[in-house]
PDB file of N, CA and C in Angstrom:
ATOM      1  N   MET A   1       0.843  -1.182   0.000  1.00  0.00           N
ATOM      2  CA  MET A   1       0.000   0.000   0.000  1.00  0.00           C
ATOM      3  C   MET A   1       0.887   1.244   0.000  1.00  0.00           C
ATOM      4  N   THR A   2       0.725   2.050  -0.991  1.00  0.00           N
ATOM      5  CA  THR A   2       1.520   3.262  -1.096  1.00  0.00           C
ATOM      6  C   THR A   2       0.726   4.456  -0.609  1.00  0.00           C
ATOM      7  N   LYS A   3       1.427   5.267   0.142  1.00  0.00           N
ATOM      8  CA  LYS A   3       0.788   6.486   0.614  1.00  0.00           C
ATOM      9  C   LYS A   3       1.010   7.590  -0.418  1.00  0.00           C
ATOM     10  N   LYS A   4      -0.029   8.301  -0.679  1.00  0.00           N
ATOM     11  CA  LYS A   4       0.088   9.450  -1.562  1.00  0.00           C
ATOM     12  C   LYS A   4       0.541  10.631  -0.711  1.00  0.00           C
ATOM     13  N   ARG A   5       1.605  11.260  -1.119  1.00  0.00           N
ATOM     14  CA  ARG A   5       2.133  12.373  -0.348  1.00  0.00           C
ATOM     15  C   ARG A   5       1.183  13.559  -0.436  1.00  0.00           C
ATOM     16  N   LYS A   6       0.756  13.998   0.711  1.00  0.00           N
ATOM     17  CA  LYS A   6      -0.170  15.129   0.779  1.00  0.00           C
ATOM     18  C   LYS A   6       0.618  16.434   0.692  1.00  0.00           C
ATOM     19  N   LYS A   7       0.191  17.294  -0.189  1.00  0.00           N
ATOM     20  CA  LYS A   7       0.840  18.592  -0.317  1.00  0.00           C
ATOM     21  C   LYS A   7       0.464  19.479   0.860  1.00  0.00           C
ATOM     22  N   LYS A   8       1.403  20.258   1.283  1.00  0.00           N
ATOM     23  CA  LYS A   8       1.114  21.253   2.303  1.00  0.00           C
ATOM     24  C   LYS A   8       0.385  22.406   1.632  1.00  0.00           C
ATOM     25  N   TRP A   9      -0.462  23.070   2.398  1.00  0.00           N
ATOM     26  CA  TRP A   9      -1.226  24.169   1.814  1.00  0.00           C
ATOM     27  C   TRP A   9      -0.301  25.261   1.305  1.00  0.00           C
ATOM     28  N   SER A  10       0.830  25.474   1.988  1.00  0.00           N
ATOM     29  CA  SER A  10       1.749  26.525   1.560  1.00  0.00           C
ATOM     30  C   SER A  10       2.390  26.188   0.223  1.00  0.00           C
ATOM     31  N   GLN A  11       2.682  24.908  -0.004  1.00  0.00           N
ATOM     32  CA  GLN A  11       3.237  24.486  -1.285  1.00  0.00           C
ATOM     33  C   GLN A  11       2.198  24.692  -2.382  1.00  0.00           C
ATOM     34  N   ASP A  12       0.954  24.385  -2.069  1.00  0.00           N
ATOM     35  CA  ASP A  12      -0.120  24.574  -3.030  1.00  0.00           C
ATOM     36  C   ASP A  12      -0.263  26.055  -3.398  1.00  0.00           C
ATOM     37  N   VAL A  13      -0.174  26.930  -2.395  1.00  0.00           N
ATOM     38  CA  VAL A  13      -0.279  28.372  -2.663  1.00  0.00           C
ATOM     39  C   VAL A  13       0.866  28.826  -3.559  1.00  0.00           C
ATOM     40  N   THR A  14       2.076  28.381  -3.227  1.00  0.00           N
ATOM     41  CA  THR A  14       3.241  28.779  -4.020  1.00  0.00           C
ATOM     42  C   THR A  14       3.114  28.312  -5.465  1.00  0.00           C
ATOM     43  N   GLU A  15       2.628  27.086  -5.655  1.00  0.00           N
ATOM     44  CA  GLU A  15       2.541  26.523  -7.000  1.00  0.00           C
ATOM     45  C   GLU A  15       1.316  26.992  -7.773  1.00  0.00           C
ATOM     46  N   ASN A  16       0.231  27.295  -7.071  1.00  0.00           N
ATOM     47  CA  ASN A  16      -1.030  27.599  -7.747  1.00  0.00           C
ATOM     48  C   ASN A  16      -1.635  28.928  -7.326  1.00  0.00           C
ATOM     49  N   SER A  17      -0.800  29.869  -6.960  1.00  0.00           N
ATOM     50  CA  SER A  17      -1.303  31.157  -6.522  1.00  0.00           C
ATOM     51  C   SER A  17      -2.190  31.784  -7.581  1.00  0.00           C
ATOM     52  N   ASP A  18      -3.282  32.355  -7.123  1.00  0.00           N
ATOM     53  CA  ASP A  18      -4.179  33.030  -8.046  1.00  0.00           C
ATOM     54  C   ASP A  18      -3.663  34.426  -8.380  1.00  0.00           C
ATOM     55  N   ALA A  19      -2.628  34.850  -7.692  1.00  0.00           N
ATOM     56  CA  ALA A  19      -2.116  36.203  -7.893  1.00  0.00           C
ATOM     57  C   ALA A  19      -1.028  36.264  -8.969  1.00  0.00           C
ATOM     58  N   LEU A  20      -0.119  35.310  -8.952  1.00  0.00           N
ATOM     59  CA  LEU A  20       1.029  35.377  -9.852  1.00  0.00           C
ATOM     60  C   LEU A  20       1.348  34.017 -10.445  1.00  0.00           C
ATOM     61  N   ASP A  21       1.807  34.028 -11.679  1.00  0.00           N
ATOM     62  CA  ASP A  21       2.377  32.841 -12.298  1.00  0.00           C
ATOM     63  C   ASP A  21       3.879  33.009 -12.219  1.00  0.00           C
ATOM     64  N   LEU A  22       4.496  32.310 -11.281  1.00  0.00           N
ATOM     65  CA  LEU A  22       5.925  32.448 -11.054  1.00  0.00           C
ATOM     66  C   LEU A  22       6.710  31.514 -11.959  1.00  0.00           C
ATOM     67  N   LYS A  23       7.885  31.968 -12.348  1.00  0.00           N
ATOM     68  CA  LYS A  23       8.790  31.102 -13.106  1.00  0.00           C
ATOM     69  C   LYS A  23       9.310  30.025 -12.179  1.00  0.00           C
ATOM     70  N   ASP A  24       9.526  28.842 -12.717  1.00  0.00           N
ATOM     71  CA  ASP A  24      10.075  27.747 -11.921  1.00  0.00           C
ATOM     72  C   ASP A  24      11.432  28.144 -11.341  1.00  0.00           C
ATOM     73  N   GLY A  25      11.618  27.844 -10.080  1.00  0.00           N
ATOM     74  CA  GLY A  25      12.903  28.084  -9.432  1.00  0.00           C
ATOM     75  C   GLY A  25      13.210  29.529  -9.102  1.00  0.00           C
ATOM     76  N   VAL A  26      12.230  30.400  -9.155  1.00  0.00           N
ATOM     77  CA  VAL A  26      12.500  31.816  -8.918  1.00  0.00           C
ATOM     78  C   VAL A  26      13.142  32.043  -7.555  1.00  0.00           C
ATOM     79  N   PHE A  27      12.709  31.332  -6.528  1.00  0.00           N
ATOM     80  CA  PHE A  27      13.252  31.556  -5.194  1.00  0.00           C
ATOM     81  C   PHE A  27      14.563  30.815  -4.963  1.00  0.00           C
ATOM     82  N   LYS A  28      14.980  30.008  -5.909  1.00  0.00           N
ATOM     83  CA  LYS A  28      16.235  29.275  -5.777  1.00  0.00           C
ATOM     84  C   LYS A  28      17.401  29.988  -6.446  1.00  0.00           C
ATOM     85  N   GLN A  29      17.119  31.065  -7.150  1.00  0.00           N
ATOM     86  CA  GLN A  29      18.187  31.803  -7.813  1.00  0.00           C
ATOM     87  C   GLN A  29      19.127  32.392  -6.766  1.00  0.00           C
ATOM     88  N   ARG A  30      20.375  32.534  -7.131  1.00  0.00           N
ATOM     89  CA  ARG A  30      21.371  33.052  -6.191  1.00  0.00           C
ATOM     90  C   ARG A  30      21.372  34.564  -6.090  1.00  0.00           C
ATOM     91  N   SER A  31      20.948  35.234  -7.125  1.00  0.00           N
ATOM     92  CA  SER A  31      21.014  36.683  -7.180  1.00  0.00           C
ATOM     93  C   SER A  31      19.715  37.323  -6.697  1.00  0.00           C
ATOM     94  N   ALA A  32      19.828  38.210  -5.707  1.00  0.00           N
ATOM     95  CA  ALA A  32      18.661  38.922  -5.192  1.00  0.00           C
ATOM     96  C   ALA A  32      18.019  39.772  -6.286  1.00  0.00           C
ATOM     97  N   SER A  33      18.834  40.374  -7.133  1.00  0.00           N
ATOM     98  CA  SER A  33      18.283  41.220  -8.193  1.00  0.00           C
ATOM     99  C   SER A  33      17.527  40.390  -9.231  1.00  0.00           C
ATOM    100  N   ARG A  34      17.982  39.176  -9.499  1.00  0.00           N
ATOM    101  CA  ARG A  34      17.267  38.308 -10.446  1.00  0.00           C
ATOM    102  C   ARG A  34      15.944  37.824  -9.858  1.00  0.00           C
ATOM    103  N   ILE A  35      15.948  37.524  -8.569  1.00  0.00           N
ATOM    104  CA  ILE A  35      14.699  37.131  -7.904  1.00  0.00           C
ATOM    105  C   ILE A  35      13.700  38.271  -8.005  1.00  0.00           C
ATOM    106  N   ALA A  36      14.143  39.474  -7.662  1.00  0.00           N
ATOM    107  CA  ALA A  36      13.271  40.644  -7.699  1.00  0.00           C
ATOM    108  C   ALA A  36      12.775  40.921  -9.120  1.00  0.00           C
ATOM    109  N   GLU A  37      13.656  40.819 -10.085  1.00  0.00           N
ATOM    110  CA  GLU A  37      13.287  41.062 -11.476  1.00  0.00           C
ATOM    111  C   GLU A  37      12.225  40.070 -11.949  1.00  0.00           C
ATOM    112  N   SER A  38      12.407  38.808 -11.601  1.00  0.00           N
ATOM    113  CA  SER A  38      11.444  37.781 -11.993  1.00  0.00           C
ATOM    114  C   SER A  38      10.091  38.004 -11.332  1.00  0.00           C
ATOM    115  N   LEU A  39      10.099  38.330 -10.041  1.00  0.00           N
ATOM    116  CA  LEU A  39       8.844  38.608  -9.343  1.00  0.00           C
ATOM    117  C   LEU A  39       8.143  39.828  -9.933  1.00  0.00           C
ATOM    118  N   LYS A  40       8.922  40.844 -10.264  1.00  0.00           N
ATOM    119  CA  LYS A  40       8.343  42.062 -10.848  1.00  0.00           C
ATOM    120  C   LYS A  40       7.682  41.743 -12.188  1.00  0.00           C
ATOM    121  N   GLN A  41       8.377  41.004 -13.032  1.00  0.00           N
ATOM    122  CA  GLN A  41       7.814  40.640 -14.335  1.00  0.00           C
ATOM    123  C   GLN A  41       6.527  39.830 -14.173  1.00  0.00           C
ATOM    124  N   SER A  42       6.548  38.867 -13.267  1.00  0.00           N
ATOM    125  CA  SER A  42       5.366  38.039 -13.039  1.00  0.00           C
ATOM    126  C   SER A  42       4.198  38.879 -12.543  1.00  0.00           C
ATOM    127  N   ALA A  43       4.477  39.793 -11.625  1.00  0.00           N
ATOM    128  CA  ALA A  43       3.417  40.640 -11.064  1.00  0.00           C
ATOM    129  C   ALA A  43       2.842  41.584 -12.107  1.00  0.00           C
ATOM    130  N   GLU A  44       3.700  42.138 -12.945  1.00  0.00           N
ATOM    131  CA  GLU A  44       3.223  43.080 -13.961  1.00  0.00           C
ATOM    132  C   GLU A  44       2.439  42.383 -15.067  1.00  0.00           C
ATOM    133  N   ARG A  45       2.772  41.148 -15.346  1.00  0.00           N
ATOM    134  CA  ARG A  45       2.082  40.406 -16.407  1.00  0.00           C
ATOM    135  C   ARG A  45       0.761  39.789 -15.947  1.00  0.00           C
ATOM    136  N   SER A  46       0.612  39.613 -14.646  1.00  0.00           N
ATOM    137  CA  SER A  46      -0.566  38.933 -14.117  1.00  0.00           C
ATOM    138  C   SER A  46      -1.828  39.777 -14.294  1.00  0.00           C
ATOM    139  N   ASP A  47      -2.883  39.126 -14.768  1.00  0.00           N
ATOM    140  CA  ASP A  47      -4.165  39.821 -14.862  1.00  0.00           C
ATOM    141  C   ASP A  47      -5.127  39.294 -13.792  1.00  0.00           C
ATOM    142  N   ARG A  48      -4.589  38.486 -12.875  1.00  0.00           N
ATOM    143  CA  ARG A  48      -5.414  37.918 -11.819  1.00  0.00           C
ATOM    144  C   ARG A  48      -5.125  38.491 -10.445  1.00  0.00           C
ATOM    145  N   ARG A  49      -4.081  39.303 -10.326  1.00  0.00           N
ATOM    146  CA  ARG A  49      -3.731  39.829  -9.008  1.00  0.00           C
ATOM    147  C   ARG A  49      -4.797  40.790  -8.508  1.00  0.00           C
ATOM    148  N   LYS A  50      -4.870  40.923  -7.191  1.00  0.00           N
ATOM    149  CA  LYS A  50      -5.910  41.743  -6.581  1.00  0.00           C
ATOM    150  C   LYS A  50      -5.389  43.079  -6.073  1.00  0.00           C
ATOM    151  N   SER A  51      -4.084  43.270  -6.101  1.00  0.00           N
ATOM    152  CA  SER A  51      -3.515  44.545  -5.666  1.00  0.00           C
ATOM    153  C   SER A  51      -2.463  44.987  -6.682  1.00  0.00           C
ATOM    154  N   SER A  52      -1.697  46.004  -6.327  1.00  0.00           N
ATOM    155  CA  SER A  52      -0.698  46.533  -7.255  1.00  0.00           C
ATOM    156  C   SER A  52       0.387  45.482  -7.519  1.00  0.00           C
ATOM    157  N   PRO A  53       1.092  45.610  -8.644  1.00  0.00           N
ATOM    158  CA  PRO A  53       2.179  44.665  -8.924  1.00  0.00           C
ATOM    159  C   PRO A  53       3.221  44.621  -7.805  1.00  0.00           C
ATOM    160  N   PHE A  54       3.552  45.784  -7.255  1.00  0.00           N
ATOM    161  CA  PHE A  54       4.532  45.825  -6.170  1.00  0.00           C
ATOM    162  C   PHE A  54       4.060  45.012  -4.969  1.00  0.00           C
ATOM    163  N   ARG A  55       2.846  45.243  -4.539  1.00  0.00           N
ATOM    164  CA  ARG A  55       2.315  44.535  -3.373  1.00  0.00           C
ATOM    165  C   ARG A  55       2.206  43.035  -3.622  1.00  0.00           C
ATOM    166  N   SER A  56       1.793  42.666  -4.816  1.00  0.00           N
ATOM    167  CA  SER A  56       1.683  41.243  -5.143  1.00  0.00           C
ATOM    168  C   SER A  56       3.046  40.561  -5.106  1.00  0.00           C
ATOM    169  N   ALA A  57       4.035  41.192  -5.705  1.00  0.00           N
ATOM    170  CA  ALA A  57       5.384  40.621  -5.737  1.00  0.00           C
ATOM    171  C   ALA A  57       5.967  40.533  -4.324  1.00  0.00           C
ATOM    172  N   MET A  58       5.826  41.603  -3.560  1.00  0.00           N
ATOM    173  CA  MET A  58       6.359  41.627  -2.201  1.00  0.00           C
ATOM    174  C   MET A  58       5.642  40.603  -1.320  1.00  0.00           C
ATOM    175  N   SER A  59       4.353  40.475  -1.506  1.00  0.00           N
ATOM    176  CA  SER A  59       3.583  39.501  -0.720  1.00  0.00           C
ATOM    177  C   SER A  59       4.043  38.078  -0.993  1.00  0.00           C
ATOM    178  N   MET A  60       4.278  37.753  -2.244  1.00  0.00           N
ATOM    179  CA  MET A  60       4.708  36.402  -2.584  1.00  0.00           C
ATOM    180  C   MET A  60       6.098  36.122  -2.009  1.00  0.00           C
ATOM    181  N   LEU A  61       6.992  37.095  -2.074  1.00  0.00           N
ATOM    182  CA  LEU A  61       8.333  36.926  -1.521  1.00  0.00           C
ATOM    183  C   LEU A  61       8.273  36.762   0.001  1.00  0.00           C
ATOM    184  N   THR A  62       7.505  37.605   0.656  1.00  0.00           N
ATOM    185  CA  THR A  62       7.365  37.527   2.103  1.00  0.00           C
ATOM    186  C   THR A  62       6.730  36.199   2.514  1.00  0.00           C
ATOM    187  N   PHE A  63       5.725  35.773   1.770  1.00  0.00           N
ATOM    188  CA  PHE A  63       5.072  34.499   2.039  1.00  0.00           C
ATOM    189  C   PHE A  63       6.092  33.363   1.978  1.00  0.00           C
ATOM    190  N   TYR A  64       6.902  33.363   0.947  1.00  0.00           N
ATOM    191  CA  TYR A  64       7.899  32.304   0.791  1.00  0.00           C
ATOM    192  C   TYR A  64       8.882  32.304   1.957  1.00  0.00           C
ATOM    193  N   ILE A  65       9.376  33.470   2.339  1.00  0.00           N
ATOM    194  CA  ILE A  65      10.328  33.574   3.440  1.00  0.00           C
ATOM    195  C   ILE A  65       9.694  33.083   4.740  1.00  0.00           C
ATOM    196  N   ASN A  66       8.483  33.520   5.004  1.00  0.00           N
ATOM    197  CA  ASN A  66       7.813  33.135   6.247  1.00  0.00           C
ATOM    198  C   ASN A  66       7.521  31.643   6.306  1.00  0.00           C
ATOM    199  N   ARG A  67       7.099  31.069   5.199  1.00  0.00           N
ATOM    200  CA  ARG A  67       6.761  29.651   5.199  1.00  0.00           C
ATOM    201  C   ARG A  67       8.009  28.775   5.265  1.00  0.00           C
ATOM    202  N   ALA A  68       9.117  29.239   4.715  1.00  0.00           N
ATOM    203  CA  ALA A  68      10.351  28.457   4.766  1.00  0.00           C
ATOM    204  C   ALA A  68      10.917  28.449   6.184  1.00  0.00           C
ATOM    205  N   GLY A  69      10.721  29.549   6.906  1.00  0.00           N
ATOM    206  CA  GLY A  69      11.111  29.633   8.309  1.00  0.00           C
ATOM    207  C   GLY A  69      12.529  29.192   8.580  1.00  0.00           C
ATOM    208  N   ASP A  70      12.663  28.267   9.532  1.00  0.00           N
ATOM    209  CA  ASP A  70      13.977  27.798   9.964  1.00  0.00           C
ATOM    210  C   ASP A  70      14.669  26.925   8.926  1.00  0.00           C
ATOM    211  N   GLN A  71      13.972  26.558   7.886  1.00  0.00           N
ATOM    212  CA  GLN A  71      14.567  25.731   6.833  1.00  0.00           C
ATOM    213  C   GLN A  71      15.573  26.523   5.990  1.00  0.00           C
ATOM    214  N   LEU A  72      15.485  27.849   6.037  1.00  0.00           N
ATOM    215  CA  LEU A  72      16.404  28.694   5.268  1.00  0.00           C
ATOM    216  C   LEU A  72      17.717  28.866   6.010  1.00  0.00           C
ATOM    217  N   SER A  73      18.803  28.760   5.278  1.00  0.00           N
ATOM    218  CA  SER A  73      20.102  29.066   5.876  1.00  0.00           C
ATOM    219  C   SER A  73      20.187  30.582   6.053  1.00  0.00           C
ATOM    220  N   ALA A  74      21.111  31.018   6.873  1.00  0.00           N
ATOM    221  CA  ALA A  74      21.279  32.459   7.102  1.00  0.00           C
ATOM    222  C   ALA A  74      21.633  33.167   5.796  1.00  0.00           C
ATOM    223  N   GLN A  75      22.459  32.537   4.983  1.00  0.00           N
ATOM    224  CA  GLN A  75      22.854  33.132   3.710  1.00  0.00           C
ATOM    225  C   GLN A  75      21.662  33.245   2.754  1.00  0.00           C
ATOM    226  N   ARG A  76      20.853  32.198   2.705  1.00  0.00           N
ATOM    227  CA  ARG A  76      19.683  32.194   1.813  1.00  0.00           C
ATOM    228  C   ARG A  76      18.671  33.244   2.258  1.00  0.00           C
ATOM    229  N   ARG A  77      18.443  33.325   3.570  1.00  0.00           N
ATOM    230  CA  ARG A  77      17.532  34.324   4.115  1.00  0.00           C
ATOM    231  C   ARG A  77      18.023  35.728   3.780  1.00  0.00           C
ATOM    232  N   HIS A  78      19.331  35.943   3.894  1.00  0.00           N
ATOM    233  CA  HIS A  78      19.912  37.249   3.575  1.00  0.00           C
ATOM    234  C   HIS A  78      19.657  37.612   2.111  1.00  0.00           C
ATOM    235  N   THR A  79      19.861  36.641   1.225  1.00  0.00           N
ATOM    236  CA  THR A  79      19.625  36.880  -0.206  1.00  0.00           C
ATOM    237  C   THR A  79      18.169  37.240  -0.460  1.00  0.00           C
ATOM    238  N   LEU A  80      17.254  36.514   0.160  1.00  0.00           N
ATOM    239  CA  LEU A  80      15.831  36.780  -0.051  1.00  0.00           C
ATOM    240  C   LEU A  80      15.413  38.115   0.556  1.00  0.00           C
ATOM    241  N   GLU A  81      15.971  38.463   1.706  1.00  0.00           N
ATOM    242  CA  GLU A  81      15.681  39.776   2.303  1.00  0.00           C
ATOM    243  C   GLU A  81      16.235  40.894   1.418  1.00  0.00           C
ATOM    244  N   LYS A  82      17.400  40.651   0.839  1.00  0.00           N
ATOM    245  CA  LYS A  82      17.979  41.636  -0.078  1.00  0.00           C
ATOM    246  C   LYS A  82      17.098  41.782  -1.324  1.00  0.00           C
ATOM    247  N   ALA A  83      16.453  40.694  -1.732  1.00  0.00           N
ATOM    248  CA  ALA A  83      15.543  40.751  -2.880  1.00  0.00           C
ATOM    249  C   ALA A  83      14.373  41.700  -2.595  1.00  0.00           C
ATOM    250  N   LYS A  84      13.967  41.810  -1.334  1.00  0.00           N
ATOM    251  CA  LYS A  84      12.917  42.768  -0.979  1.00  0.00           C
ATOM    252  C   LYS A  84      13.389  44.197  -1.285  1.00  0.00           C
ATOM    253  N   ASP A  85      14.635  44.501  -0.900  1.00  0.00           N
ATOM    254  CA  ASP A  85      15.190  45.829  -1.190  1.00  0.00           C
ATOM    255  C   ASP A  85      15.273  46.072  -2.687  1.00  0.00           C
ATOM    256  N   GLU A  86      15.664  45.016  -3.427  1.00  0.00           N
ATOM    257  CA  GLU A  86      15.742  45.134  -4.885  1.00  0.00           C
ATOM    258  C   GLU A  86      14.358  45.389  -5.484  1.00  0.00           C
ATOM    259  N   LEU A  87      13.349  44.722  -4.954  1.00  0.00           N
ATOM    260  CA  LEU A  87      11.971  44.944  -5.430  1.00  0.00           C
ATOM    261  C   LEU A  87      11.551  46.389  -5.193  1.00  0.00           C
ATOM    262  N   ARG A  88      11.850  46.890  -3.991  1.00  0.00           N
ATOM    263  CA  ARG A  88      11.506  48.290  -3.683  1.00  0.00           C
ATOM    264  C   ARG A  88      12.183  49.219  -4.682  1.00  0.00           C
ATOM    265  N   LYS A  89      13.456  48.968  -4.946  1.00  0.00           N
ATOM    266  CA  LYS A  89      14.209  49.797  -5.886  1.00  0.00           C
ATOM    267  C   LYS A  89      13.610  49.692  -7.290  1.00  0.00           C
ATOM    268  N   ASP A  90      13.297  48.458  -7.730  1.00  0.00           N
ATOM    269  CA  ASP A  90      12.745  48.238  -9.069  1.00  0.00           C
ATOM    270  C   ASP A  90      11.405  48.942  -9.271  1.00  0.00           C
ATOM    271  N   PHE A  91      10.634  49.055  -8.191  1.00  0.00           N
ATOM    272  CA  PHE A  91       9.325  49.703  -8.289  1.00  0.00           C
ATOM    273  C   PHE A  91       9.365  51.176  -7.875  1.00  0.00           C
ATOM    274  N   GLY A  92      10.575  51.699  -7.597  1.00  0.00           N
ATOM    275  CA  GLY A  92      10.708  53.110  -7.253  1.00  0.00           C
ATOM    276  C   GLY A  92      10.154  53.447  -5.880  1.00  0.00           C
ATOM    277  N   LYS A  93      10.204  52.490  -4.974  1.00  0.00           N
ATOM    278  CA  LYS A  93       9.718  52.703  -3.602  1.00  0.00           C
ATOM    279  C   LYS A  93      10.895  53.040  -2.692  1.00  0.00           C
ATOM    280  N   ALA A  94      10.577  53.690  -1.578  1.00  0.00           N
ATOM    281  CA  ALA A  94      11.607  54.024  -0.598  1.00  0.00           C
ATOM    282  C   ALA A  94      12.127  52.745   0.049  1.00  0.00           C
ATOM    283  N   PRO A  95      13.425  52.703   0.355  1.00  0.00           N
ATOM    284  CA  PRO A  95      13.967  51.523   1.028  1.00  0.00           C
ATOM    285  C   PRO A  95      13.354  51.358   2.418  1.00  0.00           C
ATOM    286  N   LYS A  96      13.492  50.151   2.956  1.00  0.00           N
ATOM    287  CA  LYS A  96      12.956  49.868   4.290  1.00  0.00           C
ATOM    288  C   LYS A  96      13.519  50.881   5.264  1.00  0.00           C
ATOM    289  N   GLY A  97      12.673  51.414   6.108  1.00  0.00           N
ATOM    290  CA  GLY A  97      13.099  52.454   7.055  1.00  0.00           C
ATOM    291  C   GLY A  97      12.826  53.847   6.513  1.00  0.00           C
ATOM    292  N   GLY A  98      12.366  53.954   5.264  1.00  0.00           N
ATOM    293  CA  GLY A  98      11.986  55.239   4.683  1.00  0.00           C
ATOM    294  C   GLY A  98      13.118  56.172   4.362  1.00  0.00           C
ATOM    295  N   LYS A  99      14.333  55.663   4.292  1.00  0.00           N
ATOM    296  CA  LYS A  99      15.501  56.525   4.009  1.00  0.00           C
ATOM    297  C   LYS A  99      15.634  56.789   2.532  1.00  0.00           C
TER     298      LYS A  99
END
């Protein structure tokens, strides 16, 4: 008897989000700027998102970071947090802290 592996709801959201169609492996890229660029493109192309492209992209990135939790190495977390700054820059938003 084989057990069918049940998907976690967070994996389902990441794979089937109604907000964005993400490129495969977007969160596995090494470059924060490439992650941000890919999220920006996906958000701008989406006709299903419910908020602005910036908010949709930032929400998906934050969701991924939060759901990965302790599974992320310090280096990986740093790269993903840096991608948030890159997203802000790409969308012409003030950096975190309003500086």
